[in-house]
């Protein structure tokens, strides 16, 4: 096997790995916290697969994305976006809330 052929085969294999990892990126949902409320407050997520949740805080005070059901808890400072990963989940509903403002900021992730 020539040196050029070997390099081309390595390049093709590397491209295949990159394409495979890009295709395997987990699905994501986006939430916004504003006036200490989640928007949307009901999201659908895939059952049986990992997924990503991005939470942006538009409030002027810290908020928190918390869910014992999803096994996540993370503070979101004003003007910032956090990313958390969850799943795979069985079909069902999973509650989340802002522990600083649970009376107004709460929602549900529905795994289907």
N, C-alpha and C. Protein backbone atom coordinates (compact mmCIF):
# COMPACT_ATOMS: atom_id res chain seq x y z
N UNK A 1 0.85 -1.16 0.00
CA UNK A 1 0.00 0.00 0.00
C UNK A 1 0.90 1.24 0.00
N UNK A 2 0.57 2.16 -0.87
CA UNK A 2 1.39 3.36 -0.97
C UNK A 2 1.07 4.32 0.17
N UNK A 3 2.02 5.20 0.39
CA UNK A 3 1.86 6.20 1.46
C UNK A 3 0.66 7.10 1.20
N UNK A 4 0.44 7.52 -0.05
CA UNK A 4 -0.70 8.39 -0.39
C UNK A 4 -2.03 7.67 -0.18
N UNK A 5 -2.10 6.41 -0.56
CA UNK A 5 -3.32 5.64 -0.38
C UNK A 5 -3.63 5.47 1.11
N UNK A 6 -2.60 5.20 1.90
CA UNK A 6 -2.79 5.05 3.34
C UNK A 6 -3.32 6.35 3.94
N UNK A 7 -2.76 7.50 3.54
CA UNK A 7 -3.23 8.80 4.04
C UNK A 7 -4.68 9.05 3.66
N UNK A 8 -5.06 8.70 2.44
CA UNK A 8 -6.45 8.89 2.00
C UNK A 8 -7.39 8.02 2.81
N UNK A 9 -6.98 6.79 3.09
CA UNK A 9 -7.83 5.89 3.87
C UNK A 9 -7.99 6.41 5.30
N UNK A 10 -6.93 6.94 5.88
CA UNK A 10 -7.01 7.52 7.22
C UNK A 10 -7.93 8.73 7.22
N UNK A 11 -7.82 9.55 6.19
CA UNK A 11 -8.68 10.74 6.09
C UNK A 11 -10.15 10.34 5.97
N UNK A 12 -10.44 9.33 5.17
CA UNK A 12 -11.83 8.86 5.02
C UNK A 12 -12.34 8.31 6.35
N UNK A 13 -11.53 7.55 7.05
CA UNK A 13 -11.93 6.99 8.35
C UNK A 13 -12.17 8.11 9.36
N UNK A 14 -11.32 9.11 9.38
CA UNK A 14 -11.48 10.24 10.31
C UNK A 14 -12.77 10.99 10.00
N UNK A 15 -13.05 11.21 8.72
CA UNK A 15 -14.28 11.90 8.33
C UNK A 15 -15.50 11.10 8.75
N UNK A 16 -15.45 9.79 8.58
CA UNK A 16 -16.57 8.93 8.98
C UNK A 16 -16.80 9.01 10.48
N UNK A 17 -15.74 9.06 11.26
CA UNK A 17 -15.88 9.18 12.72
C UNK A 17 -16.52 10.52 13.09
N UNK A 18 -16.08 11.59 12.45
CA UNK A 18 -16.64 12.91 12.74
C UNK A 18 -18.10 12.97 12.34
N UNK A 19 -18.44 12.44 11.19
CA UNK A 19 -19.83 12.44 10.74
C UNK A 19 -20.69 11.61 11.68
N UNK A 20 -20.16 10.50 12.15
CA UNK A 20 -20.89 9.65 13.07
C UNK A 20 -21.14 10.34 14.39
N UNK A 21 -20.14 11.03 14.94
CA UNK A 21 -20.32 11.71 16.22
C UNK A 21 -21.26 12.90 16.08
N UNK A 22 -21.25 13.60 14.94
CA UNK A 22 -22.17 14.70 14.73
C UNK A 22 -23.60 14.19 14.64
N UNK A 23 -23.80 13.06 14.00
CA UNK A 23 -25.13 12.48 13.87
C UNK A 23 -25.63 11.98 15.22
N UNK A 24 -24.73 11.65 16.13
CA UNK A 24 -25.10 11.11 17.42
C UNK A 24 -25.33 12.19 18.47
N UNK A 25 -25.26 13.46 18.09
CA UNK A 25 -25.47 14.54 19.06
C UNK A 25 -26.86 14.41 19.65
N UNK A 26 -26.96 14.55 20.98
CA UNK A 26 -28.27 14.37 21.61
C UNK A 26 -29.24 15.50 21.23
N UNK A 27 -30.53 15.18 21.16
CA UNK A 27 -31.52 16.23 20.89
C UNK A 27 -31.53 17.23 22.05
N UNK A 28 -32.03 18.43 21.80
CA UNK A 28 -32.02 19.43 22.86
C UNK A 28 -33.36 20.15 22.94
N UNK A 29 -33.63 20.68 24.13
CA UNK A 29 -34.78 21.55 24.35
C UNK A 29 -34.25 22.83 24.97
N UNK A 30 -34.93 23.94 24.69
CA UNK A 30 -34.50 25.23 25.23
C UNK A 30 -35.59 25.80 26.12
N UNK A 31 -35.16 26.28 27.28
CA UNK A 31 -36.06 26.92 28.24
C UNK A 31 -35.53 28.30 28.55
N UNK A 32 -36.44 29.21 28.86
CA UNK A 32 -36.07 30.56 29.28
C UNK A 32 -36.71 30.82 30.63
N UNK A 33 -35.96 31.43 31.52
CA UNK A 33 -36.50 31.90 32.79
C UNK A 33 -36.63 33.42 32.70
N UNK A 34 -37.88 33.90 32.84
CA UNK A 34 -38.13 35.33 32.84
C UNK A 34 -39.30 35.60 33.76
N UNK A 35 -39.17 36.63 34.59
CA UNK A 35 -40.17 36.92 35.63
C UNK A 35 -40.37 35.69 36.52
N UNK A 36 -39.31 34.95 36.71
CA UNK A 36 -39.29 33.75 37.55
C UNK A 36 -40.33 32.72 37.10
N UNK A 37 -40.41 32.54 35.77
CA UNK A 37 -41.28 31.52 35.16
C UNK A 37 -40.52 30.89 34.00
N UNK A 38 -40.75 29.59 33.81
CA UNK A 38 -40.15 28.88 32.68
C UNK A 38 -41.02 29.05 31.44
N UNK A 39 -40.38 29.29 30.31
CA UNK A 39 -41.06 29.31 29.02
C UNK A 39 -40.25 28.46 28.07
N UNK A 40 -40.83 27.43 27.48
CA UNK A 40 -42.14 26.87 27.82
C UNK A 40 -42.07 26.14 29.17
N UNK A 41 -43.23 25.89 29.73
CA UNK A 41 -43.26 25.17 31.01
C UNK A 41 -43.63 23.70 30.82
N UNK A 42 -43.80 23.30 29.58
CA UNK A 42 -44.05 21.90 29.23
C UNK A 42 -43.26 21.59 27.96
N UNK A 43 -42.35 20.63 28.06
CA UNK A 43 -41.54 20.25 26.89
C UNK A 43 -41.63 18.74 26.68
N UNK A 44 -41.46 18.34 25.44
CA UNK A 44 -41.39 16.92 25.13
C UNK A 44 -39.94 16.55 24.89
N UNK A 45 -39.54 15.40 25.46
CA UNK A 45 -38.18 14.89 25.29
C UNK A 45 -38.29 13.45 24.83
N UNK A 46 -37.25 12.94 24.18
CA UNK A 46 -37.33 11.57 23.69
C UNK A 46 -37.19 10.55 24.82
N UNK A 47 -38.09 9.59 24.86
CA UNK A 47 -37.95 8.48 25.81
C UNK A 47 -36.83 7.57 25.32
N UNK A 48 -36.07 7.03 26.25
CA UNK A 48 -35.04 6.06 25.90
C UNK A 48 -33.77 6.64 25.32
N UNK A 49 -33.59 7.95 25.36
CA UNK A 49 -32.39 8.56 24.79
C UNK A 49 -31.91 9.71 25.68
N UNK A 50 -30.61 9.97 25.65
CA UNK A 50 -30.08 11.15 26.35
C UNK A 50 -30.50 12.39 25.58
N UNK A 51 -30.65 13.48 26.30
CA UNK A 51 -31.00 14.75 25.67
C UNK A 51 -30.36 15.88 26.45
N UNK A 52 -30.37 17.05 25.83
CA UNK A 52 -29.73 18.23 26.39
C UNK A 52 -30.81 19.28 26.67
N UNK A 53 -30.67 19.96 27.82
CA UNK A 53 -31.57 21.06 28.17
C UNK A 53 -30.73 22.32 28.31
N UNK A 54 -31.09 23.35 27.56
CA UNK A 54 -30.44 24.65 27.67
C UNK A 54 -31.40 25.59 28.38
N UNK A 55 -30.93 26.24 29.43
CA UNK A 55 -31.77 27.15 30.21
C UNK A 55 -31.11 28.53 30.22
N UNK A 56 -31.84 29.54 29.75
CA UNK A 56 -31.35 30.91 29.72
C UNK A 56 -32.10 31.73 30.77
N UNK A 57 -31.35 32.46 31.59
CA UNK A 57 -31.93 33.29 32.64
C UNK A 57 -32.00 34.74 32.16
N UNK A 58 -33.21 35.23 31.94
CA UNK A 58 -33.42 36.62 31.54
C UNK A 58 -33.80 37.49 32.73
N UNK A 59 -33.83 36.91 33.93
CA UNK A 59 -34.11 37.67 35.15
C UNK A 59 -32.86 38.44 35.59
N UNK A 60 -33.05 39.33 36.54
CA UNK A 60 -31.92 40.12 37.05
C UNK A 60 -31.31 39.50 38.31
N UNK A 61 -31.86 38.36 38.73
CA UNK A 61 -31.35 37.65 39.89
C UNK A 61 -31.06 36.21 39.50
N UNK A 62 -30.24 35.50 40.28
CA UNK A 62 -29.97 34.10 39.97
C UNK A 62 -31.25 33.27 40.06
N UNK A 63 -31.31 32.26 39.23
CA UNK A 63 -32.37 31.26 39.26
C UNK A 63 -31.69 29.90 39.32
N UNK A 64 -32.49 28.86 39.42
CA UNK A 64 -31.93 27.52 39.47
C UNK A 64 -32.82 26.57 38.68
N UNK A 65 -32.18 25.71 37.91
CA UNK A 65 -32.91 24.63 37.25
C UNK A 65 -32.69 23.39 38.09
N UNK A 66 -33.76 22.89 38.68
CA UNK A 66 -33.65 21.73 39.56
C UNK A 66 -34.72 20.71 39.23
N UNK A 67 -34.31 19.44 39.27
CA UNK A 67 -35.25 18.35 39.07
C UNK A 67 -34.69 17.07 39.67
N UNK A 68 -35.21 16.68 40.83
CA UNK A 68 -34.83 15.37 41.36
C UNK A 68 -35.21 14.25 40.39
N UNK A 69 -36.33 14.44 39.67
CA UNK A 69 -36.77 13.43 38.69
C UNK A 69 -35.74 13.22 37.59
N UNK A 70 -35.12 14.32 37.14
CA UNK A 70 -34.13 14.25 36.06
C UNK A 70 -32.70 14.14 36.59
N UNK A 71 -32.56 14.25 37.92
CA UNK A 71 -31.26 14.19 38.60
C UNK A 71 -30.33 15.32 38.16
N UNK A 72 -30.89 16.55 38.11
CA UNK A 72 -30.09 17.72 37.77
C UNK A 72 -30.40 18.85 38.73
N UNK A 73 -29.40 19.68 38.97
CA UNK A 73 -29.54 20.88 39.78
C UNK A 73 -28.41 21.82 39.39
N UNK A 74 -28.77 22.99 38.87
CA UNK A 74 -27.74 23.91 38.43
C UNK A 74 -28.24 25.35 38.54
N UNK A 75 -27.40 26.23 39.07
CA UNK A 75 -27.71 27.65 39.18
C UNK A 75 -27.50 28.31 37.82
N UNK A 76 -28.41 29.26 37.51
CA UNK A 76 -28.32 30.01 36.26
C UNK A 76 -28.22 31.48 36.64
N UNK A 77 -27.05 32.07 36.43
CA UNK A 77 -26.86 33.49 36.77
C UNK A 77 -27.54 34.37 35.73
N UNK A 78 -27.88 35.61 36.10
CA UNK A 78 -28.56 36.49 35.16
C UNK A 78 -27.80 36.66 33.84
N UNK A 79 -28.55 36.57 32.75
CA UNK A 79 -27.97 36.77 31.43
C UNK A 79 -27.18 35.60 30.88
N UNK A 80 -27.16 34.49 31.58
CA UNK A 80 -26.37 33.34 31.15
C UNK A 80 -27.27 32.17 30.73
N UNK A 81 -26.67 31.24 30.00
CA UNK A 81 -27.33 30.00 29.61
C UNK A 81 -26.52 28.84 30.15
N UNK A 82 -27.21 27.89 30.76
CA UNK A 82 -26.55 26.67 31.23
C UNK A 82 -27.02 25.50 30.37
N UNK A 83 -26.23 24.45 30.37
CA UNK A 83 -26.58 23.23 29.66
C UNK A 83 -26.51 22.08 30.64
N UNK A 84 -27.56 21.26 30.66
CA UNK A 84 -27.56 20.04 31.46
C UNK A 84 -27.98 18.89 30.56
N UNK A 85 -27.54 17.70 30.92
CA UNK A 85 -27.89 16.50 30.17
C UNK A 85 -28.73 15.60 31.06
N UNK A 86 -29.70 14.93 30.48
CA UNK A 86 -30.57 14.02 31.22
C UNK A 86 -30.90 12.83 30.35
N UNK A 87 -31.51 11.83 30.97
CA UNK A 87 -31.93 10.63 30.25
C UNK A 87 -30.84 9.59 30.21
N UNK A 88 -31.17 8.47 29.64
CA UNK A 88 -32.45 8.13 29.03
C UNK A 88 -33.54 7.93 30.08
N UNK A 89 -34.77 8.27 29.68
CA UNK A 89 -35.92 8.20 30.57
C UNK A 89 -36.96 7.22 30.04
N UNK A 90 -37.69 6.63 30.96
CA UNK A 90 -38.86 5.84 30.58
C UNK A 90 -39.97 6.81 30.20
N UNK A 91 -40.92 6.40 29.37
CA UNK A 91 -42.04 7.29 29.06
C UNK A 91 -42.72 7.76 30.35
N UNK A 92 -43.08 9.03 30.39
CA UNK A 92 -43.73 9.58 31.58
C UNK A 92 -43.48 11.06 31.70
N UNK A 93 -43.87 11.64 32.84
CA UNK A 93 -43.67 13.06 33.07
C UNK A 93 -42.68 13.26 34.21
N UNK A 94 -41.86 14.28 34.07
CA UNK A 94 -40.77 14.57 35.00
C UNK A 94 -40.80 16.06 35.33
N UNK A 95 -40.97 16.37 36.62
CA UNK A 95 -41.10 17.76 37.05
C UNK A 95 -39.74 18.45 37.14
N UNK A 96 -39.74 19.77 36.87
CA UNK A 96 -38.57 20.62 37.12
C UNK A 96 -39.07 21.93 37.70
N UNK A 97 -38.17 22.66 38.37
CA UNK A 97 -38.56 23.92 39.00
C UNK A 97 -37.33 24.76 39.30
N UNK A 98 -37.59 26.02 39.67
CA UNK A 98 -36.54 26.91 40.15
C UNK A 98 -36.66 26.88 41.67
N UNK A 99 -35.66 26.33 42.34
CA UNK A 99 -35.72 26.18 43.79
C UNK A 99 -35.80 27.52 44.51
N UNK A 100 -35.35 28.61 43.86
CA UNK A 100 -35.45 29.94 44.47
C UNK A 100 -36.87 30.52 44.36
N UNK A 101 -37.62 30.08 43.36
CA UNK A 101 -38.97 30.61 43.10
C UNK A 101 -39.92 29.47 42.72
N UNK A 102 -40.06 28.45 43.57
CA UNK A 102 -40.86 27.28 43.19
C UNK A 102 -42.34 27.56 43.01
N UNK A 103 -42.83 28.65 43.61
CA UNK A 103 -44.25 28.96 43.49
C UNK A 103 -44.63 29.44 42.09
N UNK A 104 -43.67 29.99 41.34
CA UNK A 104 -43.98 30.49 39.99
C UNK A 104 -43.21 29.78 38.89
N UNK A 105 -42.02 29.30 39.20
CA UNK A 105 -41.16 28.71 38.16
C UNK A 105 -41.14 27.20 38.30
N UNK A 106 -42.00 26.55 37.52
CA UNK A 106 -42.04 25.09 37.54
C UNK A 106 -42.54 24.62 36.18
N UNK A 107 -42.25 23.39 35.88
CA UNK A 107 -42.67 22.85 34.59
C UNK A 107 -42.53 21.34 34.56
N UNK A 108 -42.78 20.78 33.38
CA UNK A 108 -42.79 19.34 33.19
C UNK A 108 -42.09 18.98 31.89
N UNK A 109 -41.24 17.97 31.96
CA UNK A 109 -40.68 17.36 30.75
C UNK A 109 -41.43 16.05 30.55
N UNK A 110 -41.99 15.87 29.37
CA UNK A 110 -42.75 14.67 29.06
C UNK A 110 -41.93 13.80 28.10
N UNK A 111 -41.57 12.62 28.56
CA UNK A 111 -40.80 11.69 27.72
C UNK A 111 -41.76 10.83 26.94
N UNK A 112 -41.61 10.88 25.62
CA UNK A 112 -42.46 10.06 24.71
C UNK A 112 -41.59 9.27 23.78
